[in-house]
Protein backbone atom coordinates (compact mmCIF):
# COMPACT_ATOMS: atom_id res chain seq x y z
CA MET A 1 -19.01 -8.81 -5.83
CA SER A 2 -18.83 -12.05 -7.99
CA ASP A 3 -19.56 -15.47 -6.63
CA THR A 4 -15.62 -16.28 -7.32
CA PHE A 5 -14.50 -13.36 -5.60
CA LEU A 6 -16.19 -13.87 -2.60
CA ALA A 7 -15.12 -17.55 -3.24
CA ALA A 8 -11.63 -16.63 -2.99
CA LEU A 9 -11.95 -15.17 -0.29
CA ALA A 10 -13.60 -17.88 2.11
CA LEU A 11 -10.35 -19.68 1.39
CA PHE A 12 -8.60 -16.74 2.94
CA LEU A 13 -10.81 -15.37 5.55
CA SER A 14 -12.79 -16.64 8.26
CA ARG A 15 -16.29 -16.85 7.88
CA GLU A 16 -16.69 -14.24 10.88
CA ASP A 17 -14.33 -11.83 9.06
CA LEU A 18 -16.08 -12.38 5.43
CA VAL A 19 -19.29 -11.98 7.19
CA THR A 20 -18.13 -8.03 8.82
CA ILE A 21 -16.19 -7.39 5.26
CA LEU A 22 -20.22 -8.16 3.51
CA ALA A 23 -21.48 -5.53 6.54
CA ARG A 24 -19.13 -2.90 5.81
CA TYR A 25 -18.89 -2.95 2.57
CA GLY A 26 -21.79 -5.10 1.33
CA GLY A 27 -23.42 -3.28 -1.63
CA ARG A 28 -21.03 -0.88 -2.58
CA ARG A 29 -18.62 -1.16 -5.67
CA GLN A 30 -15.62 -1.22 -3.94
CA PHE A 31 -12.46 -0.50 -6.07
CA LEU A 32 -8.65 -3.49 -5.45
CA PRO A 33 -5.49 -1.79 -6.28
CA THR A 34 -3.21 -3.75 -9.02
CA VAL A 35 0.07 -6.03 -7.13
CA LYS A 36 1.44 -3.02 -8.63
CA THR A 37 0.01 -0.80 -7.66
CA PHE A 38 -0.40 -1.83 -3.88
CA GLU A 39 3.32 -2.87 -3.88
CA ARG A 40 4.20 0.40 -4.93
CA SER A 41 1.68 1.76 -2.03
CA GLU A 42 4.03 -0.24 0.75
CA ARG A 43 7.84 0.81 -1.03
CA GLU A 44 6.97 3.92 -0.43
CA GLY A 45 5.73 4.24 2.87
CA ALA A 46 9.13 2.20 3.71
CA VAL A 47 11.33 4.71 1.89
CA ILE A 48 9.71 7.89 3.89
CA GLU A 49 9.66 6.03 6.93
CA GLY A 50 13.34 5.56 6.60
CA TRP A 51 13.83 8.83 5.77
CA ARG A 52 12.76 10.11 9.11
CA ASP A 53 14.75 7.07 10.75
CA GLY A 54 17.97 8.73 9.48
CA ALA A 55 18.98 7.09 6.58
CA SER A 56 20.12 8.91 3.17
CA TYR A 57 18.63 9.04 0.05
CA GLU A 58 21.97 6.80 -1.07
CA GLU A 59 20.97 4.87 1.04
CA LEU A 60 16.93 3.76 0.57
CA ALA A 61 17.10 3.90 -2.85
CA SER A 62 20.07 0.98 -2.75
CA GLN A 63 17.18 -0.69 -0.15
CA HIS A 64 14.58 -0.05 -1.71
CA GLY A 65 16.11 -1.12 -5.65
CA ILE A 66 15.35 2.55 -7.13
CA CYS A 67 17.44 6.28 -8.63
CA GLU A 68 18.19 8.62 -5.31
CA ARG A 69 16.15 10.88 -7.98
CA THR A 70 12.85 8.41 -7.16
CA VAL A 71 13.23 8.53 -3.66
CA ARG A 72 13.39 12.67 -3.07
CA ARG A 73 10.19 12.42 -5.04
CA ILE A 74 8.70 9.92 -2.62
CA ILE A 75 9.71 11.51 -0.03
CA ALA A 76 8.81 15.31 -1.77
CA LYS A 77 5.18 13.65 -2.32
CA GLY A 78 4.43 12.06 1.27
CA ARG A 79 5.60 15.47 3.27
CA PRO A 80 3.54 17.25 4.54
CA ASN A 81 3.49 21.21 3.51
CA THR A 82 5.21 23.40 6.07
CA PRO A 83 4.12 27.82 5.30
């Protein structure tokens, strides 16, 4: 991690939290997703949760600003494989 990155983390985390992160991950090469990837992952989780709660494909598409085909793909990807 660069000193700039550590300084940025220090702005958002307490010293105790920063030390905990460094103790656990220090010295390793870490990957941080882009905001777009992070937000997509959150959206996909919300779509799957909404589907499990009984929302229709049409409702989910409207709520998340995506087409029904994308909703179906997200749900298919998130389902466990069943025989």
